[in-house]
Amino acid sequence: MSASVDMSGELSEESIALIEAVYRELGALPDPTTLPPAEGRAQSLAANVRCNTEMPAMDFAGDVWVDEDAALGAARTRLKVLVPQGARPGVILFIHGGGFAFCSPETHERCARVLAVESGMPVVLPDYRLAPEDPFPAGLKDVVSALRSVFAATKEAGVRSGPVLISGDSAGANLALAAMLHEQAAGGAKADGALLFYGNYARSFETPSYIRFENGPGLTRPKMQRYWSFYAGEQAIDGNPLACPLMADDAALASLPPLYLMAAAVDPLLSDTLELGRRLRALGRDDELQVVPGVMHGFLQNTRELAAAREALHAAGNAARRLTGRQ
């Protein structure tokens, strides 16, 4: 797969039109990773408002809470629960991206609602702690706690026990994969599969896609370096598979549930997904891997304007049905 992937960096016409529309609406915004965290988050939240209009209807949309787990090291965590009409038993625990430092369940709500409709499953988004104030492993611990408690916490919201898929985009994909590795080692909660979108899986900045797309469009290598710095704090995390899941050994990767991997073709993080896919194939696994052409990092946020985003989430919804035996 990696040898045949086109890294020409050519965006589709609709992606270019979207970039131009966003610039007309928002102007030239400063790089949020260079701002104080609170200012960067406020800017990110404001910029994502446009992505979260014309929401698909849900039977239930609201918040519940998971209590603090002092033994685990997890904080009391809000969960946004989205239950689509005619929801099947089971749940998708969706971990939002944002470089471990930005975004929230609200910035990713339309994307999550579309995934709920396409999969026919409730989608639950944990509002985990963010770096740099709360570096690794704080956010991961909150995600693990949500995974362990998701059915108990959401029963009153109409979520019925059944298959559990864990999902996430970008840093959220990292946290989703790390949560599975955490629970595998701890003998804890098990997911039945995962939907992982354009994840950052290692703190390595010399991959082919980091070099090719160093300056974007959109996400850049300097931004990712700052995001990882936020997440690591003063810790040496490069070899820790719970921070950098590509550092997991073969036995741990081989023992994961089935994965559905999706990457954007114009993205510094493309090589992360390709390398994860290569390692899984070398272990004899047949996990699905899709590279979406003509789009850049974060494209799933734009389901109103990008047909590619809608088609990608339709494919992810079908993958969810396959992973739960309901195709």
C-alpha atoms as a PDB file:
ATOM      1  CA  MET A   1       0.000   0.000   0.000  1.00  0.00           C
ATOM      2  CA  SER A   2       2.643   2.549   1.005  1.00  0.00           C
ATOM      3  CA  ALA A   3       4.622   2.078  -2.212  1.00  0.00           C
ATOM      4  CA  SER A   4       1.602   2.911  -4.377  1.00  0.00           C
ATOM      5  CA  VAL A   5       0.214   5.880  -2.450  1.00  0.00           C
ATOM      6  CA  ASP A   6       0.456   9.162  -4.354  1.00  0.00           C
ATOM      7  CA  MET A   7       2.195  11.892  -2.322  1.00  0.00           C
ATOM      8  CA  SER A   8       2.001  14.506  -5.078  1.00  0.00           C
ATOM      9  CA  GLY A   9       0.083  16.722  -2.697  1.00  0.00           C
ATOM     10  CA  GLU A  10      -2.672  17.503  -5.184  1.00  0.00           C
ATOM     11  CA  LEU A  11      -5.876  18.623  -3.525  1.00  0.00           C
ATOM     12  CA  SER A  12      -9.228  18.042  -5.173  1.00  0.00           C
ATOM     13  CA  GLU A  13     -11.147  20.967  -6.600  1.00  0.00           C
ATOM     14  CA  GLU A  14     -13.702  20.765  -3.800  1.00  0.00           C
ATOM     15  CA  SER A  15     -10.937  20.808  -1.176  1.00  0.00           C
ATOM     16  CA  ILE A  16      -9.410  23.905  -2.767  1.00  0.00           C
ATOM     17  CA  ALA A  17     -12.836  25.555  -2.901  1.00  0.00           C
ATOM     18  CA  LEU A  18     -13.341  24.794   0.801  1.00  0.00           C
ATOM     19  CA  ILE A  19      -9.974  26.306   1.768  1.00  0.00           C
ATOM     20  CA  GLU A  20     -10.850  29.447  -0.182  1.00  0.00           C
ATOM     21  CA  ALA A  21     -14.299  29.668   1.439  1.00  0.00           C
ATOM     22  CA  VAL A  22     -12.850  29.311   4.934  1.00  0.00           C
ATOM     23  CA  TYR A  23     -10.301  32.033   4.217  1.00  0.00           C
ATOM     24  CA  ARG A  24     -13.048  34.384   3.003  1.00  0.00           C
ATOM     25  CA  GLU A  25     -15.041  33.738   6.185  1.00  0.00           C
ATOM     26  CA  LEU A  26     -12.291  33.690   8.819  1.00  0.00           C
ATOM     27  CA  GLY A  27      -9.331  35.472   7.262  1.00  0.00           C
ATOM     28  CA  ALA A  28      -5.710  34.653   8.086  1.00  0.00           C
ATOM     29  CA  LEU A  29      -5.767  33.292  11.639  1.00  0.00           C
ATOM     30  CA  PRO A  30      -2.612  32.944  13.736  1.00  0.00           C
ATOM     31  CA  ASP A  31      -1.186  29.482  14.303  1.00  0.00           C
ATOM     32  CA  PRO A  32      -3.086  28.394  17.453  1.00  0.00           C
ATOM     33  CA  THR A  33      -0.119  26.333  18.706  1.00  0.00           C
ATOM     34  CA  THR A  34       1.861  29.579  19.135  1.00  0.00           C
ATOM     35  CA  LEU A  35      -0.829  31.175  21.349  1.00  0.00           C
ATOM     36  CA  PRO A  36      -1.403  30.664  25.082  1.00  0.00           C
ATOM     37  CA  PRO A  37      -3.451  27.447  25.424  1.00  0.00           C
ATOM     38  CA  ALA A  38      -6.694  29.161  26.387  1.00  0.00           C
ATOM     39  CA  GLU A  39      -6.448  31.536  23.414  1.00  0.00           C
ATOM     40  CA  GLY A  40      -5.570  28.724  21.037  1.00  0.00           C
ATOM     41  CA  ARG A  41      -8.559  26.709  22.223  1.00  0.00           C
ATOM     42  CA  ALA A  42     -10.906  29.678  21.888  1.00  0.00           C
ATOM     43  CA  GLN A  43      -9.732  30.262  18.331  1.00  0.00           C
ATOM     44  CA  SER A  44     -10.097  26.574  17.479  1.00  0.00           C
ATOM     45  CA  LEU A  45     -13.595  26.487  18.931  1.00  0.00           C
ATOM     46  CA  ALA A  46     -14.632  29.580  16.963  1.00  0.00           C
ATOM     47  CA  ALA A  47     -13.138  28.221  13.742  1.00  0.00           C
ATOM     48  CA  ASN A  48     -15.045  24.953  14.152  1.00  0.00           C
ATOM     49  CA  VAL A  49     -18.448  26.599  14.611  1.00  0.00           C
ATOM     50  CA  ARG A  50     -18.923  26.640  10.844  1.00  0.00           C
ATOM     51  CA  CYS A  51     -18.414  22.849  10.784  1.00  0.00           C
ATOM     52  CA  ASN A  52     -21.230  22.202  13.241  1.00  0.00           C
ATOM     53  CA  THR A  53     -24.396  23.536  11.672  1.00  0.00           C
ATOM     54  CA  GLU A  54     -27.330  21.725  10.037  1.00  0.00           C
ATOM     55  CA  MET A  55     -26.904  18.852  12.479  1.00  0.00           C
ATOM     56  CA  PRO A  56     -28.457  15.461  11.671  1.00  0.00           C
ATOM     57  CA  ALA A  57     -31.344  14.757  14.044  1.00  0.00           C
ATOM     58  CA  MET A  58     -30.804  12.403  16.975  1.00  0.00           C
ATOM     59  CA  ASP A  59     -33.256  10.576  19.232  1.00  0.00           C
ATOM     60  CA  PHE A  60     -31.091  11.743  22.135  1.00  0.00           C
ATOM     61  CA  ALA A  61     -28.313  14.317  22.317  1.00  0.00           C
ATOM     62  CA  GLY A  62     -27.042  15.271  25.751  1.00  0.00           C
ATOM     63  CA  ASP A  63     -24.386  14.892  28.414  1.00  0.00           C
ATOM     64  CA  VAL A  64     -23.725  12.312  31.116  1.00  0.00           C
ATOM     65  CA  TRP A  65     -20.747  11.936  33.453  1.00  0.00           C
ATOM     66  CA  VAL A  66     -18.251   9.251  34.396  1.00  0.00           C
ATOM     67  CA  ASP A  67     -17.075   9.537  37.994  1.00  0.00           C
ATOM     68  CA  GLU A  68     -13.475  10.073  38.980  1.00  0.00           C
ATOM     69  CA  ASP A  69     -11.395   6.886  39.218  1.00  0.00           C
ATOM     70  CA  ALA A  70      -8.559   7.650  41.618  1.00  0.00           C
ATOM     71  CA  ALA A  71      -7.017   4.188  41.310  1.00  0.00           C
ATOM     72  CA  LEU A  72      -6.765   4.569  37.534  1.00  0.00           C
ATOM     73  CA  GLY A  73      -5.817   8.233  37.689  1.00  0.00           C
ATOM     74  CA  ALA A  74      -8.867   9.386  35.727  1.00  0.00           C
ATOM     75  CA  ALA A  75     -10.805  12.578  36.382  1.00  0.00           C
ATOM     76  CA  ARG A  76     -14.570  12.996  36.449  1.00  0.00           C
ATOM     77  CA  THR A  77     -15.323  13.177  32.733  1.00  0.00           C
ATOM     78  CA  ARG A  78     -18.245  14.504  30.720  1.00  0.00           C
ATOM     79  CA  LEU A  79     -19.539  12.308  27.913  1.00  0.00           C
ATOM     80  CA  LYS A  80     -21.550  13.728  25.009  1.00  0.00           C
ATOM     81  CA  VAL A  81     -24.057  11.050  23.996  1.00  0.00           C
ATOM     82  CA  LEU A  82     -25.567  10.965  20.493  1.00  0.00           C
ATOM     83  CA  VAL A  83     -28.203   8.307  19.849  1.00  0.00           C
ATOM     84  CA  PRO A  84     -29.498   8.109  16.265  1.00  0.00           C
ATOM     85  CA  GLN A  85     -33.021   7.154  15.320  1.00  0.00           C
ATOM     86  CA  GLY A  86     -33.488   3.385  15.442  1.00  0.00           C
ATOM     87  CA  ALA A  87     -30.128   2.851  17.133  1.00  0.00           C
ATOM     88  CA  ARG A  88     -28.862  -0.707  17.411  1.00  0.00           C
ATOM     89  CA  PRO A  89     -27.368  -2.089  20.626  1.00  0.00           C
ATOM     90  CA  GLY A  90     -23.737  -1.208  21.163  1.00  0.00           C
ATOM     91  CA  VAL A  91     -21.738   1.999  21.037  1.00  0.00           C
ATOM     92  CA  ILE A  92     -18.939   3.850  19.264  1.00  0.00           C
ATOM     93  CA  LEU A  93     -16.689   5.671  21.735  1.00  0.00           C
ATOM     94  CA  PHE A  94     -15.332   8.514  19.605  1.00  0.00           C
ATOM     95  CA  ILE A  95     -12.226  10.357  20.831  1.00  0.00           C
ATOM     96  CA  HIS A  96     -11.953  13.834  19.338  1.00  0.00           C
ATOM     97  CA  GLY A  97      -8.700  15.092  17.859  1.00  0.00           C
ATOM     98  CA  GLY A  98      -7.013  18.452  18.326  1.00  0.00           C
ATOM     99  CA  GLY A  99      -3.348  17.716  18.934  1.00  0.00           C
ATOM    100  CA  PHE A 100      -3.974  16.524  22.511  1.00  0.00           C
ATOM    101  CA  ALA A 101      -4.442  20.230  23.348  1.00  0.00           C
ATOM    102  CA  PHE A 102      -7.456  21.648  21.476  1.00  0.00           C
ATOM    103  CA  CYS A 103     -11.050  20.835  20.488  1.00  0.00           C
ATOM    104  CA  SER A 104     -13.886  19.170  22.364  1.00  0.00           C
ATOM    105  CA  PRO A 105     -16.939  16.988  21.807  1.00  0.00           C
ATOM    106  CA  GLU A 106     -18.692  20.104  20.498  1.00  0.00           C
ATOM    107  CA  THR A 107     -16.093  20.829  17.787  1.00  0.00           C
ATOM    108  CA  HIS A 108     -16.596  17.282  16.448  1.00  0.00           C
ATOM    109  CA  GLU A 109     -20.322  16.937  16.996  1.00  0.00           C
ATOM    110  CA  ARG A 110     -21.533  17.051  13.385  1.00  0.00           C
ATOM    111  CA  CYS A 111     -18.900  14.534  12.316  1.00  0.00           C
ATOM    112  CA  ALA A 112     -19.964  12.264  15.180  1.00  0.00           C
ATOM    113  CA  ARG A 113     -23.661  12.630  14.349  1.00  0.00           C
ATOM    114  CA  VAL A 114     -23.024  11.659  10.733  1.00  0.00           C
ATOM    115  CA  LEU A 115     -21.062   8.617  11.925  1.00  0.00           C
ATOM    116  CA  ALA A 116     -23.953   7.703  14.226  1.00  0.00           C
ATOM    117  CA  VAL A 117     -26.414   7.846  11.337  1.00  0.00           C
ATOM    118  CA  GLU A 118     -24.150   5.911   8.983  1.00  0.00           C
ATOM    119  CA  SER A 119     -23.324   3.177  11.498  1.00  0.00           C
ATOM    120  CA  GLY A 120     -26.745   2.997  13.142  1.00  0.00           C
ATOM    121  CA  MET A 121     -24.972   3.071  16.514  1.00  0.00           C
ATOM    122  CA  PRO A 122     -24.866   5.591  19.360  1.00  0.00           C
ATOM    123  CA  VAL A 123     -21.698   7.666  19.412  1.00  0.00           C
ATOM    124  CA  VAL A 124     -20.248   8.852  22.731  1.00  0.00           C
ATOM    125  CA  LEU A 125     -17.530  11.534  22.930  1.00  0.00           C
ATOM    126  CA  PRO A 126     -15.492  11.930  26.152  1.00  0.00           C
ATOM    127  CA  ASP A 127     -14.369  15.425  27.109  1.00  0.00           C
ATOM    128  CA  TYR A 128     -10.939  14.245  28.270  1.00  0.00           C
ATOM    129  CA  ARG A 129      -8.301  16.459  29.901  1.00  0.00           C
ATOM    130  CA  LEU A 130      -6.050  18.401  27.532  1.00  0.00           C
ATOM    131  CA  ALA A 131      -2.344  19.232  27.387  1.00  0.00           C
ATOM    132  CA  PRO A 132      -0.219  21.157  28.156  1.00  0.00           C
ATOM    133  CA  GLU A 133      -1.944  21.694  31.514  1.00  0.00           C
ATOM    134  CA  ASP A 134      -2.613  17.948  31.723  1.00  0.00           C
ATOM    135  CA  PRO A 135       0.060  16.109  29.726  1.00  0.00           C
ATOM    136  CA  PHE A 136       0.346  12.367  29.076  1.00  0.00           C
ATOM    137  CA  PRO A 137      -1.152  10.192  30.473  1.00  0.00           C
ATOM    138  CA  ALA A 138      -4.024  12.309  31.867  1.00  0.00           C
ATOM    139  CA  GLY A 139      -6.182  12.341  28.743  1.00  0.00           C
ATOM    140  CA  LEU A 140      -5.503   8.664  28.098  1.00  0.00           C
ATOM    141  CA  LYS A 141      -6.633   7.744  31.605  1.00  0.00           C
ATOM    142  CA  ASP A 142      -9.903   9.628  31.070  1.00  0.00           C
ATOM    143  CA  VAL A 143     -10.465   7.768  27.800  1.00  0.00           C
ATOM    144  CA  VAL A 144      -9.775   4.403  29.455  1.00  0.00           C
ATOM    145  CA  SER A 145     -12.228   5.266  32.227  1.00  0.00           C
ATOM    146  CA  ALA A 146     -14.872   6.139  29.631  1.00  0.00           C
ATOM    147  CA  LEU A 147     -14.247   2.860  27.816  1.00  0.00           C
ATOM    148  CA  ARG A 148     -14.676   0.904  31.042  1.00  0.00           C
ATOM    149  CA  SER A 149     -17.836   2.762  32.078  1.00  0.00           C
ATOM    150  CA  VAL A 150     -19.542   3.643  28.810  1.00  0.00           C
ATOM    151  CA  PHE A 151     -22.610   1.400  29.120  1.00  0.00           C
ATOM    152  CA  ALA A 152     -23.217   2.066  32.807  1.00  0.00           C
ATOM    153  CA  ALA A 153     -22.929   5.819  32.235  1.00  0.00           C
ATOM    154  CA  THR A 154     -25.168   5.992  29.160  1.00  0.00           C
ATOM    155  CA  LYS A 155     -27.928   3.508  29.975  1.00  0.00           C
ATOM    156  CA  GLU A 156     -30.362   6.247  30.974  1.00  0.00           C
ATOM    157  CA  ALA A 157     -29.635   8.040  27.690  1.00  0.00           C
ATOM    158  CA  GLY A 158     -30.896   5.041  25.740  1.00  0.00           C
ATOM    159  CA  VAL A 159     -27.628   3.263  24.915  1.00  0.00           C
ATOM    160  CA  ARG A 160     -28.099  -0.499  25.058  1.00  0.00           C
ATOM    161  CA  SER A 161     -25.328  -2.976  25.842  1.00  0.00           C
ATOM    162  CA  GLY A 162     -23.747  -4.577  22.794  1.00  0.00           C
ATOM    163  CA  PRO A 163     -20.602  -4.374  20.696  1.00  0.00           C
ATOM    164  CA  VAL A 164     -18.084  -1.654  21.560  1.00  0.00           C
ATOM    165  CA  LEU A 165     -16.095   0.125  18.887  1.00  0.00           C
ATOM    166  CA  ILE A 166     -13.530   2.756  19.788  1.00  0.00           C
ATOM    167  CA  SER A 167     -12.805   5.496  17.293  1.00  0.00           C
ATOM    168  CA  GLY A 168     -11.008   8.787  16.940  1.00  0.00           C
ATOM    169  CA  ASP A 169      -9.402  11.233  14.568  1.00  0.00           C
ATOM    170  CA  SER A 170      -5.803  12.492  14.670  1.00  0.00           C
ATOM    171  CA  ALA A 171      -4.734  12.690  18.333  1.00  0.00           C
ATOM    172  CA  GLY A 172      -8.030  10.987  19.134  1.00  0.00           C
ATOM    173  CA  ALA A 173      -7.000   8.005  17.002  1.00  0.00           C
ATOM    174  CA  ASN A 174      -3.758   7.860  18.993  1.00  0.00           C
ATOM    175  CA  LEU A 175      -5.717   7.850  22.256  1.00  0.00           C
ATOM    176  CA  ALA A 176      -8.159   5.238  20.976  1.00  0.00           C
ATOM    177  CA  LEU A 177      -5.356   2.884  19.941  1.00  0.00           C
ATOM    178  CA  ALA A 178      -3.435   3.562  23.154  1.00  0.00           C
ATOM    179  CA  ALA A 179      -6.549   2.834  25.234  1.00  0.00           C
ATOM    180  CA  MET A 180      -6.845  -0.591  23.617  1.00  0.00           C
ATOM    181  CA  LEU A 181      -3.167  -1.295  24.317  1.00  0.00           C
ATOM    182  CA  HIS A 182      -3.606  -0.089  27.913  1.00  0.00           C
ATOM    183  CA  GLU A 183      -6.540  -2.387  28.560  1.00  0.00           C
ATOM    184  CA  GLN A 184      -4.888  -5.292  26.775  1.00  0.00           C
ATOM    185  CA  ALA A 185      -1.951  -5.070  29.203  1.00  0.00           C
ATOM    186  CA  ALA A 186      -4.218  -4.486  32.213  1.00  0.00           C
ATOM    187  CA  GLY A 187      -6.702  -7.222  31.368  1.00  0.00           C
ATOM    188  CA  GLY A 188      -9.382  -4.545  31.355  1.00  0.00           C
ATOM    189  CA  ALA A 189     -12.171  -3.450  29.026  1.00  0.00           C
ATOM    190  CA  LYS A 190     -12.083  -4.878  25.517  1.00  0.00           C
ATOM    191  CA  ALA A 191     -13.266  -3.228  22.324  1.00  0.00           C
ATOM    192  CA  ASP A 192     -14.688  -5.317  19.505  1.00  0.00           C
ATOM    193  CA  GLY A 193     -12.960  -3.171  16.894  1.00  0.00           C
ATOM    194  CA  ALA A 194     -11.771   0.314  16.069  1.00  0.00           C
ATOM    195  CA  LEU A 195     -12.305   3.033  13.453  1.00  0.00           C
ATOM    196  CA  LEU A 196      -9.147   5.155  13.326  1.00  0.00           C
ATOM    197  CA  PHE A 197      -8.964   8.291  11.173  1.00  0.00           C
ATOM    198  CA  TYR A 198      -5.669   9.965  10.133  1.00  0.00           C
ATOM    199  CA  GLY A 199      -3.959   9.186  13.437  1.00  0.00           C
ATOM    200  CA  ASN A 200      -0.583  10.327  14.790  1.00  0.00           C
ATOM    201  CA  TYR A 201       0.980   7.175  16.136  1.00  0.00           C
ATOM    202  CA  ALA A 202       4.640   8.055  16.763  1.00  0.00           C
ATOM    203  CA  ARG A 203       6.746  11.063  17.640  1.00  0.00           C
ATOM    204  CA  SER A 204       8.809  10.822  14.455  1.00  0.00           C
ATOM    205  CA  PHE A 205       9.043  13.831  12.137  1.00  0.00           C
ATOM    206  CA  GLU A 206      11.210  12.437   9.310  1.00  0.00           C
ATOM    207  CA  THR A 207       8.688  10.157   7.623  1.00  0.00           C
ATOM    208  CA  PRO A 208       8.021  10.600   3.873  1.00  0.00           C
ATOM    209  CA  SER A 209       4.739  12.418   4.484  1.00  0.00           C
ATOM    210  CA  TYR A 210       6.188  14.718   7.155  1.00  0.00           C
ATOM    211  CA  ILE A 211       8.884  15.695   4.668  1.00  0.00           C
ATOM    212  CA  ARG A 212       6.504  16.017   1.707  1.00  0.00           C
ATOM    213  CA  PHE A 213       3.840  18.013   3.584  1.00  0.00           C
ATOM    214  CA  GLU A 214       6.088  19.839   6.036  1.00  0.00           C
ATOM    215  CA  ASN A 215       4.328  23.135   5.319  1.00  0.00           C
ATOM    216  CA  GLY A 216       0.813  21.832   4.874  1.00  0.00           C
ATOM    217  CA  PRO A 217      -1.691  22.655   3.544  1.00  0.00           C
ATOM    218  CA  GLY A 218      -3.423  22.832   6.911  1.00  0.00           C
ATOM    219  CA  LEU A 219      -1.482  20.750   9.398  1.00  0.00           C
ATOM    220  CA  THR A 220       2.291  21.263   9.295  1.00  0.00           C
ATOM    221  CA  ARG A 221       5.319  19.551  10.765  1.00  0.00           C
ATOM    222  CA  PRO A 222       6.101  22.501  13.108  1.00  0.00           C
ATOM    223  CA  LYS A 223       2.538  22.377  14.444  1.00  0.00           C
ATOM    224  CA  MET A 224       2.813  18.656  15.103  1.00  0.00           C
ATOM    225  CA  GLN A 225       6.138  19.155  16.858  1.00  0.00           C
ATOM    226  CA  ARG A 226       4.497  21.660  19.193  1.00  0.00           C
ATOM    227  CA  TYR A 227       1.491  19.390  19.774  1.00  0.00           C
ATOM    228  CA  TRP A 228       3.776  16.520  20.770  1.00  0.00           C
ATOM    229  CA  SER A 229       5.745  18.874  23.007  1.00  0.00           C
ATOM    230  CA  PHE A 230       2.496  19.846  24.758  1.00  0.00           C
ATOM    231  CA  TYR A 231       1.558  16.204  25.243  1.00  0.00           C
ATOM    232  CA  ALA A 232       4.961  15.007  26.444  1.00  0.00           C
ATOM    233  CA  GLY A 233       5.715  17.866  28.805  1.00  0.00           C
ATOM    234  CA  GLU A 234       9.029  17.007  30.444  1.00  0.00           C
ATOM    235  CA  GLN A 235       8.602  13.262  29.942  1.00  0.00           C
ATOM    236  CA  ALA A 236      10.577  10.970  27.643  1.00  0.00           C
ATOM    237  CA  ILE A 237       7.673   9.299  25.815  1.00  0.00           C
ATOM    238  CA  ASP A 238       9.118   8.392  22.417  1.00  0.00           C
ATOM    239  CA  GLY A 239       9.482   4.690  23.240  1.00  0.00           C
ATOM    240  CA  ASN A 240       6.286   4.365  25.263  1.00  0.00           C
ATOM    241  CA  PRO A 241       3.566   2.548  23.273  1.00  0.00           C
ATOM    242  CA  LEU A 242       0.822   4.153  25.367  1.00  0.00           C
ATOM    243  CA  ALA A 243       1.986   7.543  24.071  1.00  0.00           C
ATOM    244  CA  CYS A 244       3.365   6.397  20.708  1.00  0.00           C
ATOM    245  CA  PRO A 245       1.393   3.275  19.718  1.00  0.00           C
ATOM    246  CA  LEU A 246       3.702   2.436  16.813  1.00  0.00           C
ATOM    247  CA  MET A 247       6.238   1.521  19.493  1.00  0.00           C
ATOM    248  CA  ALA A 248       4.037  -1.407  20.599  1.00  0.00           C
ATOM    249  CA  ASP A 249       5.639  -4.809  20.103  1.00  0.00           C
ATOM    250  CA  ASP A 250       4.377  -7.328  17.571  1.00  0.00           C
ATOM    251  CA  ALA A 251       2.537  -9.400  20.159  1.00  0.00           C
ATOM    252  CA  ALA A 252       0.544  -6.399  21.363  1.00  0.00           C
ATOM    253  CA  LEU A 253      -0.397  -5.318  17.832  1.00  0.00           C
ATOM    254  CA  ALA A 254      -1.265  -8.868  16.812  1.00  0.00           C
ATOM    255  CA  SER A 255      -3.675  -9.134  19.753  1.00  0.00           C
ATOM    256  CA  LEU A 256      -5.686  -6.017  18.883  1.00  0.00           C
ATOM    257  CA  PRO A 257      -9.281  -6.390  17.697  1.00  0.00           C
ATOM    258  CA  PRO A 258      -9.984  -5.718  13.993  1.00  0.00           C
ATOM    259  CA  LEU A 259      -9.119  -2.190  12.888  1.00  0.00           C
ATOM    260  CA  TYR A 260     -10.421   0.060  10.128  1.00  0.00           C
ATOM    261  CA  LEU A 261      -7.762   2.624   9.208  1.00  0.00           C
ATOM    262  CA  MET A 262      -8.408   5.752   7.162  1.00  0.00           C
ATOM    263  CA  ALA A 263      -5.883   8.398   6.116  1.00  0.00           C
ATOM    264  CA  ALA A 264      -5.941  11.635   4.136  1.00  0.00           C
ATOM    265  CA  ALA A 265      -3.655  11.665   1.095  1.00  0.00           C
ATOM    266  CA  VAL A 266      -2.427  15.242   1.675  1.00  0.00           C
ATOM    267  CA  ASP A 267      -1.368  15.033   5.309  1.00  0.00           C
ATOM    268  CA  PRO A 268       1.913  15.019   7.260  1.00  0.00           C
ATOM    269  CA  LEU A 269       0.465  12.082   9.225  1.00  0.00           C
ATOM    270  CA  LEU A 270      -0.198   9.856   6.194  1.00  0.00           C
ATOM    271  CA  SER A 271       2.951   7.795   6.784  1.00  0.00           C
ATOM    272  CA  ASP A 272       1.864   7.026  10.361  1.00  0.00           C
ATOM    273  CA  THR A 273      -1.214   5.171   9.099  1.00  0.00           C
ATOM    274  CA  LEU A 274       0.718   3.496   6.300  1.00  0.00           C
ATOM    275  CA  GLU A 275       3.363   2.244   8.719  1.00  0.00           C
ATOM    276  CA  LEU A 276       0.736   0.956  11.131  1.00  0.00           C
ATOM    277  CA  GLY A 277      -0.932  -0.841   8.234  1.00  0.00           C
ATOM    278  CA  ARG A 278       2.405  -2.291   7.093  1.00  0.00           C
ATOM    279  CA  ARG A 279       3.154  -3.687  10.540  1.00  0.00           C
ATOM    280  CA  LEU A 280      -0.311  -5.200  10.867  1.00  0.00           C
ATOM    281  CA  ARG A 281      -0.033  -6.876   7.448  1.00  0.00           C
ATOM    282  CA  ALA A 282       3.405  -8.251   8.343  1.00  0.00           C
ATOM    283  CA  LEU A 283       1.737  -9.943  11.300  1.00  0.00           C
ATOM    284  CA  GLY A 284      -0.705 -11.704   8.984  1.00  0.00           C
ATOM    285  CA  ARG A 285      -3.678  -9.495   9.802  1.00  0.00           C
ATOM    286  CA  ASP A 286      -6.149  -8.253   7.198  1.00  0.00           C
ATOM    287  CA  ASP A 287      -7.206  -4.908   8.676  1.00  0.00           C
ATOM    288  CA  GLU A 288      -8.801  -2.519   6.192  1.00  0.00           C
ATOM    289  CA  LEU A 289      -6.857   0.594   5.190  1.00  0.00           C
ATOM    290  CA  GLN A 290      -8.269   3.389   3.036  1.00  0.00           C
ATOM    291  CA  VAL A 291      -6.390   6.473   1.814  1.00  0.00           C
ATOM    292  CA  VAL A 292      -8.804   9.186   0.675  1.00  0.00           C
ATOM    293  CA  PRO A 293      -7.367  11.110  -2.302  1.00  0.00           C
ATOM    294  CA  GLY A 294      -7.470  14.871  -2.719  1.00  0.00           C
ATOM    295  CA  VAL A 295      -8.134  15.743   0.933  1.00  0.00           C
ATOM    296  CA  MET A 296      -6.045  17.083   3.803  1.00  0.00           C
ATOM    297  CA  HIS A 297      -5.844  16.415   7.516  1.00  0.00           C
ATOM    298  CA  GLY A 298      -9.109  17.001   9.368  1.00  0.00           C
ATOM    299  CA  PHE A 299     -11.317  16.712   6.297  1.00  0.00           C
ATOM    300  CA  LEU A 300     -13.996  14.725   8.163  1.00  0.00           C
ATOM    301  CA  GLN A 301     -14.936  17.918   9.974  1.00  0.00           C
ATOM    302  CA  ASN A 302     -16.403  19.259   6.730  1.00  0.00           C
ATOM    303  CA  THR A 303     -19.315  16.946   6.006  1.00  0.00           C
ATOM    304  CA  ARG A 304     -21.545  19.838   4.916  1.00  0.00           C
ATOM    305  CA  GLU A 305     -19.223  20.929   2.112  1.00  0.00           C
ATOM    306  CA  LEU A 306     -17.069  17.962   1.143  1.00  0.00           C
ATOM    307  CA  ALA A 307     -18.636  15.037  -0.662  1.00  0.00           C
ATOM    308  CA  ALA A 308     -15.400  13.190   0.123  1.00  0.00           C
ATOM    309  CA  ALA A 309     -16.078  13.572   3.853  1.00  0.00           C
ATOM    310  CA  ARG A 310     -19.634  12.297   3.548  1.00  0.00           C
ATOM    311  CA  GLU A 311     -18.492   9.348   1.437  1.00  0.00           C
ATOM    312  CA  ALA A 312     -15.678   8.577   3.883  1.00  0.00           C
ATOM    313  CA  LEU A 313     -18.047   8.479   6.861  1.00  0.00           C
ATOM    314  CA  HIS A 314     -20.475   6.340   4.862  1.00  0.00           C
ATOM    315  CA  ALA A 315     -17.578   3.904   4.309  1.00  0.00           C
ATOM    316  CA  ALA A 316     -16.696   4.085   8.012  1.00  0.00           C
ATOM    317  CA  GLY A 317     -20.303   3.373   8.938  1.00  0.00           C
ATOM    318  CA  ASN A 318     -20.269   0.295   6.719  1.00  0.00           C
ATOM    319  CA  ALA A 319     -16.995  -0.744   8.343  1.00  0.00           C
ATOM    320  CA  ALA A 320     -18.644  -0.415  11.760  1.00  0.00           C
ATOM    321  CA  ARG A 321     -21.388  -2.748  10.621  1.00  0.00           C
ATOM    322  CA  ARG A 322     -18.823  -5.280   9.380  1.00  0.00           C
ATOM    323  CA  LEU A 323     -16.816  -5.074  12.599  1.00  0.00           C
ATOM    324  CA  THR A 324     -19.954  -5.751  14.648  1.00  0.00           C
ATOM    325  CA  GLY A 325     -21.202  -8.521  12.349  1.00  0.00           C
ATOM    326  CA  ARG A 326     -24.191  -6.560  11.093  1.00  0.00           C
ATOM    327  CA  GLN A 327     -23.421  -5.861   7.441  1.00  0.00           C
END
